[in-house]
Protein backbone atom coordinates (compact mmCIF):
# COMPACT_ATOMS: atom_id res chain seq x y z
CA MET A 1 15.80 22.73 1.18
CA SER A 2 15.96 19.13 1.38
CA VAL A 3 14.80 16.71 -1.11
CA VAL A 4 12.15 14.12 -0.61
CA ILE A 5 12.29 11.57 -3.14
CA VAL A 6 9.08 9.60 -3.92
CA THR A 7 8.29 6.56 -6.18
CA GLY A 8 4.94 6.12 -7.21
CA SER A 9 4.25 9.28 -6.22
CA ALA A 10 0.48 9.88 -8.14
CA GLY A 11 -0.43 6.31 -6.21
CA LEU A 12 -2.33 6.04 -2.81
CA ILE A 13 0.60 6.01 0.08
CA GLY A 14 3.22 8.27 -2.62
CA SER A 15 1.29 10.79 -2.88
CA GLU A 16 -0.44 11.09 0.62
CA ALA A 17 3.56 11.23 1.14
CA VAL A 18 4.16 14.05 -1.14
CA ALA A 19 1.02 16.20 0.78
CA TYR A 20 2.53 15.12 3.65
CA PHE A 21 6.07 16.19 3.23
CA ALA A 22 6.05 19.38 0.93
CA GLU A 23 3.28 20.93 3.68
CA ARG A 24 6.31 20.52 6.41
CA GLY A 25 8.16 22.52 4.24
CA TYR A 26 10.74 19.56 1.72
CA GLU A 27 11.19 20.01 -1.95
CA ILE A 28 9.48 16.83 -3.50
CA VAL A 29 10.64 14.53 -6.60
CA GLY A 30 7.94 12.44 -7.45
CA ILE A 31 8.44 9.64 -10.20
CA ASP A 32 5.89 7.54 -11.43
CA ASN A 33 4.51 6.64 -14.42
CA ASN A 34 1.33 5.82 -14.34
CA PHE A 35 2.37 2.11 -15.01
CA ARG A 36 -0.97 1.53 -12.39
CA GLN A 37 -2.41 1.95 -15.49
CA ARG A 38 -1.13 -0.38 -17.74
CA PHE A 39 -1.93 -2.84 -15.46
CA PHE A 40 -5.62 -2.72 -14.54
CA GLY A 41 -6.50 -0.66 -17.48
CA PRO A 42 -7.62 3.32 -17.72
CA ASP A 43 -9.84 3.22 -14.27
CA ALA A 44 -7.06 2.57 -12.59
CA SER A 45 -5.07 5.46 -13.91
CA THR A 46 -3.49 7.84 -11.33
CA GLU A 47 -3.23 11.20 -13.73
CA TRP A 48 -6.37 13.03 -11.76
CA ASN A 49 -3.98 12.54 -8.70
CA ARG A 50 -0.78 13.70 -10.22
CA LEU A 51 -2.60 16.76 -11.10
CA SER A 52 -3.91 17.59 -8.03
CA LEU A 53 -0.18 17.47 -6.75
CA GLU A 54 1.19 19.72 -9.39
CA SER A 55 -2.32 21.99 -8.30
CA ARG A 56 -1.83 21.92 -4.93
CA PHE A 57 2.22 22.17 -4.80
CA PRO A 58 3.02 23.82 -7.75
CA LYS A 59 6.53 25.20 -6.14
CA GLN A 60 7.69 21.90 -3.92
CA TYR A 61 6.44 19.29 -6.36
CA THR A 62 8.53 17.94 -9.74
CA HIS A 63 7.22 15.20 -10.93
CA VAL A 64 9.30 12.75 -13.56
CA ALA A 65 8.06 10.01 -15.18
CA ALA A 66 10.92 7.76 -15.12
CA ASP A 67 9.78 3.91 -15.11
CA ILE A 68 12.34 2.62 -11.55
CA ARG A 69 13.77 -0.24 -13.68
CA ASP A 70 15.53 2.24 -15.86
CA ALA A 71 19.08 2.60 -13.80
CA ALA A 72 20.22 5.70 -15.70
CA ALA A 73 17.08 7.53 -15.36
CA ILE A 74 17.36 6.77 -11.72
CA ASP A 75 20.60 7.78 -10.91
CA GLU A 76 20.21 10.67 -13.02
CA ILE A 77 17.62 12.15 -10.60
CA PHE A 78 19.48 11.23 -7.65
CA GLY A 79 22.86 12.93 -8.69
CA ARG A 80 21.05 16.02 -9.91
CA HIS A 81 19.72 16.58 -6.06
CA GLY A 82 22.23 14.15 -3.93
CA ALA A 83 23.62 14.80 -0.48
CA ARG A 84 20.63 17.09 -0.27
CA ILE A 85 18.69 14.14 -0.89
CA ALA A 86 16.95 13.87 3.10
CA LEU A 87 14.16 10.42 2.52
CA VAL A 88 13.77 8.08 -0.26
CA ILE A 89 9.76 6.98 -0.08
CA HIS A 90 10.08 3.89 -2.42
CA THR A 91 6.02 2.91 -2.55
CA ALA A 92 6.25 2.40 -6.92
CA ALA A 93 5.17 -1.33 -7.15
CA GLN A 94 3.21 -3.63 -9.53
CA PRO A 95 0.73 -4.62 -6.18
CA SER A 96 -1.70 -7.08 -7.45
CA HIS A 97 -1.20 -11.12 -7.17
CA ASP A 98 -3.64 -12.24 -9.29
CA TRP A 99 -1.82 -9.67 -12.16
CA ALA A 100 1.40 -11.45 -11.57
CA ALA A 101 0.46 -14.39 -12.10
CA GLY A 102 0.04 -13.06 -15.60
CA ASP A 103 3.51 -11.65 -16.35
CA PRO A 104 6.43 -12.60 -13.70
CA PRO A 105 8.70 -11.27 -15.54
CA THR A 106 7.60 -7.48 -15.63
CA ASP A 107 5.98 -8.34 -11.56
CA PHE A 108 9.48 -9.52 -11.07
CA THR A 109 11.93 -6.89 -12.81
CA VAL A 110 9.19 -3.87 -11.23
CA ASN A 111 9.17 -5.00 -7.67
CA ALA A 112 12.95 -6.50 -7.22
CA ASN A 113 14.95 -4.76 -9.72
CA GLY A 114 13.17 -1.89 -9.34
CA THR A 115 13.81 -1.55 -5.91
CA LEU A 116 17.25 -2.64 -6.36
CA THR A 117 17.88 0.20 -8.52
CA MET A 118 16.46 2.61 -6.17
CA LEU A 119 18.62 1.01 -2.80
CA GLU A 120 21.86 1.04 -5.81
CA ALA A 121 21.35 5.37 -6.41
CA THR A 122 20.49 5.65 -2.98
CA ARG A 123 23.88 4.19 -1.90
CA LYS A 124 26.00 5.80 -4.34
CA HIS A 125 24.33 9.40 -4.10
CA ALA A 126 22.82 9.88 -1.11
CA PRO A 127 23.89 7.13 1.76
CA LYS A 128 22.46 9.28 4.70
CA ALA A 129 19.52 9.52 3.45
CA ALA A 130 16.58 7.14 5.45
CA PHE A 131 15.54 4.99 3.18
CA ILE A 132 11.49 3.77 3.39
CA PHE A 133 10.34 0.71 1.19
CA THR A 134 6.46 -0.30 1.54
CA SER A 135 6.11 -3.84 1.00
CA THR A 136 3.88 -6.43 2.04
CA ASN A 137 1.71 -8.91 4.39
CA LYS A 138 2.17 -11.26 1.23
CA VAL A 139 5.61 -11.68 2.40
CA TYR A 140 4.35 -14.16 4.91
CA GLY A 141 2.42 -16.06 1.54
CA ASP A 142 -0.45 -18.38 3.24
CA ALA A 143 1.31 -19.30 6.69
CA PRO A 144 -1.74 -16.83 7.83
CA ASN A 145 -3.79 -19.77 7.15
CA GLU A 146 -2.77 -22.11 9.70
CA LEU A 147 -3.61 -19.93 12.71
CA PRO A 148 -6.44 -21.94 14.21
CA LEU A 149 -9.91 -19.85 13.60
CA GLU A 150 -13.24 -19.96 14.12
CA GLU A 151 -16.45 -19.24 12.10
CA LEU A 152 -18.16 -16.40 13.58
CA GLU A 153 -21.64 -14.88 11.71
CA THR A 154 -20.02 -12.18 9.87
CA ARG A 155 -16.11 -13.15 10.61
CA TRP A 156 -13.28 -15.80 10.65
CA GLU A 157 -11.64 -14.89 14.25
CA ILE A 158 -9.16 -16.56 16.18
CA ALA A 159 -9.36 -17.32 20.26
CA ARG A 160 -8.29 -14.20 22.65
CA ASN A 161 -5.96 -16.33 23.96
CA HIS A 162 -3.92 -16.82 21.40
CA PRO A 163 -0.47 -14.79 20.96
CA TYR A 164 -1.85 -13.48 17.68
CA TRP A 165 -4.74 -12.14 19.10
CA GLU A 166 -3.13 -8.89 18.88
CA GLY A 167 -2.53 -9.70 15.16
CA ILE A 168 0.67 -11.50 13.36
CA ASP A 169 4.35 -9.68 14.10
CA GLU A 170 7.23 -9.83 12.24
CA ASN A 171 8.39 -13.31 13.40
CA LEU A 172 5.90 -15.12 11.04
CA ARG A 173 8.06 -17.41 8.82
CA ILE A 174 8.36 -16.06 5.52
CA ASP A 175 9.19 -19.12 3.49
CA GLN A 176 7.86 -23.40 2.92
CA SER A 177 4.07 -20.82 2.11
CA THR A 178 2.46 -20.34 -1.21
CA HIS A 179 2.92 -16.35 -1.86
CA SER A 180 1.65 -15.98 -5.58
CA VAL A 181 4.30 -14.56 -7.52
CA PHE A 182 3.63 -10.85 -6.59
CA GLY A 183 4.57 -12.28 -2.67
CA ALA A 184 7.45 -14.08 -4.31
CA SER A 185 8.86 -10.53 -6.20
CA LYS A 186 7.76 -8.59 -2.70
CA VAL A 187 10.11 -11.10 -0.71
CA ALA A 188 13.30 -10.46 -2.87
CA ALA A 189 12.55 -6.64 -2.41
CA ASP A 190 12.36 -6.44 1.17
CA VAL A 191 15.20 -8.76 1.90
CA LEU A 192 16.94 -6.75 -0.26
CA VAL A 193 16.28 -3.55 1.89
CA GLN A 194 17.00 -5.07 5.06
CA GLU A 195 20.15 -6.17 3.54
CA TYR A 196 21.26 -2.44 2.41
CA GLY A 197 20.54 -1.46 5.98
CA ARG A 198 22.44 -3.92 7.36
CA TYR A 199 25.15 -5.07 4.72
CA PHE A 200 25.90 -1.26 3.98
CA SER A 201 24.63 0.50 7.34
CA MET A 202 22.12 2.82 5.68
CA PRO A 203 18.80 3.72 7.48
CA THR A 204 16.52 1.83 5.64
CA ALA A 205 13.44 -0.03 6.95
CA VAL A 206 10.36 -1.96 5.38
CA PHE A 207 6.78 -1.83 6.12
CA ARG A 208 4.36 -4.75 5.56
CA GLY A 209 1.80 -3.61 4.71
CA GLY A 210 -1.55 -5.18 5.48
CA CYS A 211 -4.13 -3.47 3.33
CA LEU A 212 -3.57 0.32 2.67
CA THR A 213 -6.14 2.76 1.69
CA GLY A 214 -7.62 5.63 1.61
CA PRO A 215 -9.33 8.47 -0.12
CA ASN A 216 -5.97 8.52 -3.21
CA HIS A 217 -6.71 4.97 -3.60
CA SER A 218 -7.36 4.30 -7.80
CA GLY A 219 -9.79 0.70 -6.79
CA THR A 220 -9.61 -1.53 -9.20
CA LYS A 221 -10.70 -4.70 -9.68
CA LEU A 222 -6.89 -6.19 -8.73
CA HIS A 223 -6.70 -4.70 -6.57
CA GLY A 224 -7.36 -1.98 -3.50
CA PHE A 225 -10.09 -3.72 -2.22
CA LEU A 226 -12.00 -1.30 0.04
CA ALA A 227 -11.80 1.48 -2.24
CA TYR A 228 -13.10 -0.61 -5.04
CA LEU A 229 -15.81 -2.30 -3.14
CA LEU A 230 -17.18 1.54 -2.15
CA LYS A 231 -16.92 2.58 -5.54
CA CYS A 232 -18.83 -0.39 -6.50
CA THR A 233 -21.41 0.04 -4.21
CA VAL A 234 -21.26 3.84 -4.73
CA VAL A 235 -21.91 3.64 -8.80
CA GLY A 236 -23.67 -0.10 -9.15
CA ALA A 237 -20.89 -1.99 -10.31
CA PRO A 238 -20.65 -5.71 -9.94
CA TYR A 239 -18.67 -7.19 -7.01
CA GLN A 240 -17.27 -10.18 -6.41
CA VAL A 241 -16.36 -11.79 -3.73
CA PHE A 242 -13.74 -14.85 -3.61
CA GLY A 243 -14.58 -17.71 -1.11
CA TYR A 244 -14.14 -17.96 2.64
CA LYS A 245 -18.23 -17.43 3.02
CA GLY A 246 -17.04 -13.80 2.09
CA LYS A 247 -15.86 -13.71 5.86
CA GLN A 248 -12.37 -13.22 5.38
CA VAL A 249 -10.66 -10.85 7.64
CA ARG A 250 -8.36 -7.76 6.59
CA ASP A 251 -7.26 -5.25 8.10
CA ASN A 252 -7.01 -1.01 6.65
CA ILE A 253 -4.80 1.64 7.72
CA HIS A 254 -5.44 5.28 6.38
CA SER A 255 -2.38 6.11 3.93
CA HIS A 256 -2.23 9.28 6.77
CA ASP A 257 -1.29 6.97 9.77
CA LEU A 258 1.44 5.24 7.69
CA VAL A 259 2.72 8.16 6.11
CA SER A 260 2.75 9.80 9.83
CA ALA A 261 4.32 6.34 10.53
CA PHE A 262 7.18 7.07 8.06
CA ASP A 263 7.91 10.52 9.47
CA HIS A 264 8.58 8.81 13.12
CA VAL A 265 10.99 6.71 11.41
CA PHE A 266 12.66 9.54 8.95
CA ARG A 267 13.39 12.09 12.19
CA SER A 268 14.86 8.72 14.43
CA PRO A 269 15.86 6.48 11.74
CA ARG A 270 17.41 2.50 12.13
CA CYS A 271 19.31 0.61 10.12
CA GLY A 272 17.81 -2.57 8.15
CA GLU A 273 13.87 -2.69 10.77
CA VAL A 274 10.72 -4.18 9.31
CA TYR A 275 7.50 -3.35 10.88
CA ASN A 276 4.31 -4.78 10.32
CA ALA A 277 1.80 -1.91 9.52
CA GLY A 278 -2.25 -2.42 9.15
CA GLY A 279 -5.42 -1.05 10.63
CA THR A 280 -4.66 -3.27 13.55
CA ARG A 281 -7.29 -4.15 16.22
CA PHE A 282 -8.53 -0.62 15.55
CA SER A 283 -9.56 -0.30 12.19
CA ASN A 284 -10.46 -3.99 10.85
CA CYS A 285 -13.59 -5.73 8.75
CA SER A 286 -14.39 -9.07 6.99
CA MET A 287 -15.65 -8.75 3.53
CA LEU A 288 -18.76 -9.10 4.67
CA GLU A 289 -18.87 -6.24 7.53
CA ALA A 290 -17.12 -4.43 4.54
CA ILE A 291 -20.25 -4.45 2.23
CA GLY A 292 -22.17 -3.68 5.46
CA LEU A 293 -20.65 -0.17 6.59
CA CYS A 294 -20.12 0.76 2.24
CA GLU A 295 -23.86 0.00 2.09
CA GLU A 296 -24.60 2.15 5.44
CA ILE A 297 -22.54 4.94 4.57
CA SER A 298 -22.94 5.10 0.67
CA GLY A 299 -27.24 4.60 1.28
CA ARG A 300 -27.06 2.22 -1.76
CA LYS A 301 -27.27 -1.64 -2.03
CA LEU A 302 -24.27 -3.56 -3.52
CA ASP A 303 -24.59 -5.82 -6.13
CA TRP A 304 -22.06 -8.57 -5.23
CA ALA A 305 -22.07 -12.41 -5.84
CA TYR A 306 -20.12 -15.39 -4.09
CA THR A 307 -17.65 -17.77 -5.80
CA GLU A 308 -16.40 -20.70 -3.81
CA THR A 309 -13.07 -20.54 -5.21
CA ASN A 310 -10.54 -18.40 -3.36
CA ARG A 311 -7.77 -16.26 -4.35
CA ILE A 312 -4.63 -18.50 -4.42
CA GLY A 313 -2.24 -17.64 -1.44
CA ASP A 314 -5.50 -15.45 -0.16
CA HIS A 315 -5.28 -14.47 3.61
CA ILE A 316 -8.19 -16.32 5.61
CA TRP A 317 -7.64 -13.80 8.80
CA TYR A 318 -4.92 -11.32 8.63
CA ILE A 319 -4.59 -8.32 11.15
CA SER A 320 -1.57 -6.65 12.02
CA ASP A 321 0.62 -6.51 15.41
CA MET A 322 2.55 -3.53 15.29
CA ALA A 323 3.67 -3.36 18.29
CA LYS A 324 7.13 -3.36 17.57
CA PHE A 325 6.74 -0.48 15.91
CA ARG A 326 4.84 1.68 18.91
CA ALA A 327 7.75 0.17 21.35
CA HIS A 328 10.37 2.22 18.85
CA TYR A 329 8.79 4.77 18.06
CA PRO A 330 6.06 5.45 21.49
CA ASP A 331 4.38 8.61 20.23
CA TRP A 332 2.96 7.52 16.62
CA ARG A 333 -0.90 7.25 17.00
CA GLN A 334 -3.08 5.73 14.96
CA GLU A 335 -5.97 8.38 14.00
CA TYR A 336 -8.83 6.32 11.29
CA ASP A 337 -10.62 3.99 12.35
CA LEU A 338 -12.42 1.63 9.73
CA ARG A 339 -16.36 4.47 9.59
CA SER A 340 -13.59 7.18 9.16
CA LEU A 341 -11.96 6.07 6.85
CA VAL A 342 -14.78 5.06 4.70
CA ARG A 343 -16.51 7.84 5.21
CA GLU A 344 -13.78 10.11 3.74
CA MET A 345 -12.88 8.13 1.44
CA TYR A 346 -16.65 8.18 0.53
CA ASP A 347 -16.58 12.53 0.76
CA LYS A 348 -14.09 12.54 -1.50
CA ASN A 349 -15.01 10.46 -4.35
CA VAL A 350 -18.57 10.38 -4.42
CA ASP A 351 -18.92 13.06 -6.69
CA ARG A 352 -16.08 12.20 -9.13
CA TRP A 353 -16.95 8.05 -9.40
CA LEU A 354 -20.45 9.69 -10.50
CA SER A 355 -18.87 11.53 -13.16
CA ASP A 356 -16.87 9.09 -14.64
CA ALA A 357 -19.52 6.45 -14.52
CA GLU A 358 -21.90 9.02 -16.28
CA LYS A 359 -19.39 9.61 -19.10
CA GLU A 360 -18.97 6.11 -19.96
CA ARG A 361 -22.15 5.37 -19.72
CA THR A 362 -23.12 8.29 -22.37
CA GLY A 363 -19.62 7.78 -23.98
CA VAL A 364 -19.05 11.50 -23.74
């Protein structure tokens, strides 16, 4: 049986990848030490998701609580499976630009050094395995904010005759802009993955994600805006909107649709490719529109406040153009629009969120 190695395996994209490939008969080795809890606190713990995966796939899923920066531990894992490794999906990361500003060394070593460790282990033990890396649209820094935007009633928008109406493509520059410390560490990792593909002829692919989300997202204040927004709406927690009049636009792609894209790359890999990946025009919203949708689906009002100061390097408008990926993999289909995505997120989490909130309230 071929092996798929998934880092960040209890996180949003990692757990989706575990389930997707386990259901297709692969042996899965998950690497995840629940650093998300260290980054963002107990509410962001992915322990619940790890336990779910172990329960659902007891024979196919092996969990390893290793740190991706630990070269010896990662080398041992790869050496154990060797040429049986067919695919490496590297999703583990420090994912918040707000958090990164408080501890740049940890952010960089996790995102950049950790990625280098994974690449080297793959090159040494399984150089023919497809290596897929989840990068971020923050590699473009705040360059998207230079686009000519028009203020509408509920969102900022770009003119229909603008070249980027369908979204931002991979040709946007990545330098001479403000990235945040997080964006800079992900640039380093992003370029490393490209270089291992081009220089060492390894089948590597970079996915520069917009807002990645889905029902397995342990959304928290500093990361995972749509999941956290819906959770706050459900449990009655206060929510803060930062800048741009709440009209900033994000595209949101369901974790299943992204992992399906990974599968297309796995089945027909290329070397050193870069793809933007997001909800596209098919699935996007402004903050104001997201609040309205969360209130509608949950039947509750969100307790939210607004502050004029935006986050450093934050995008005013970002929609991904996936035309390059679709040209390379024309059979890929995006299944979840925004409404179906939020509905599924609500249906699968509402009971757990309310139960956790009650436990916190009563101290039980």
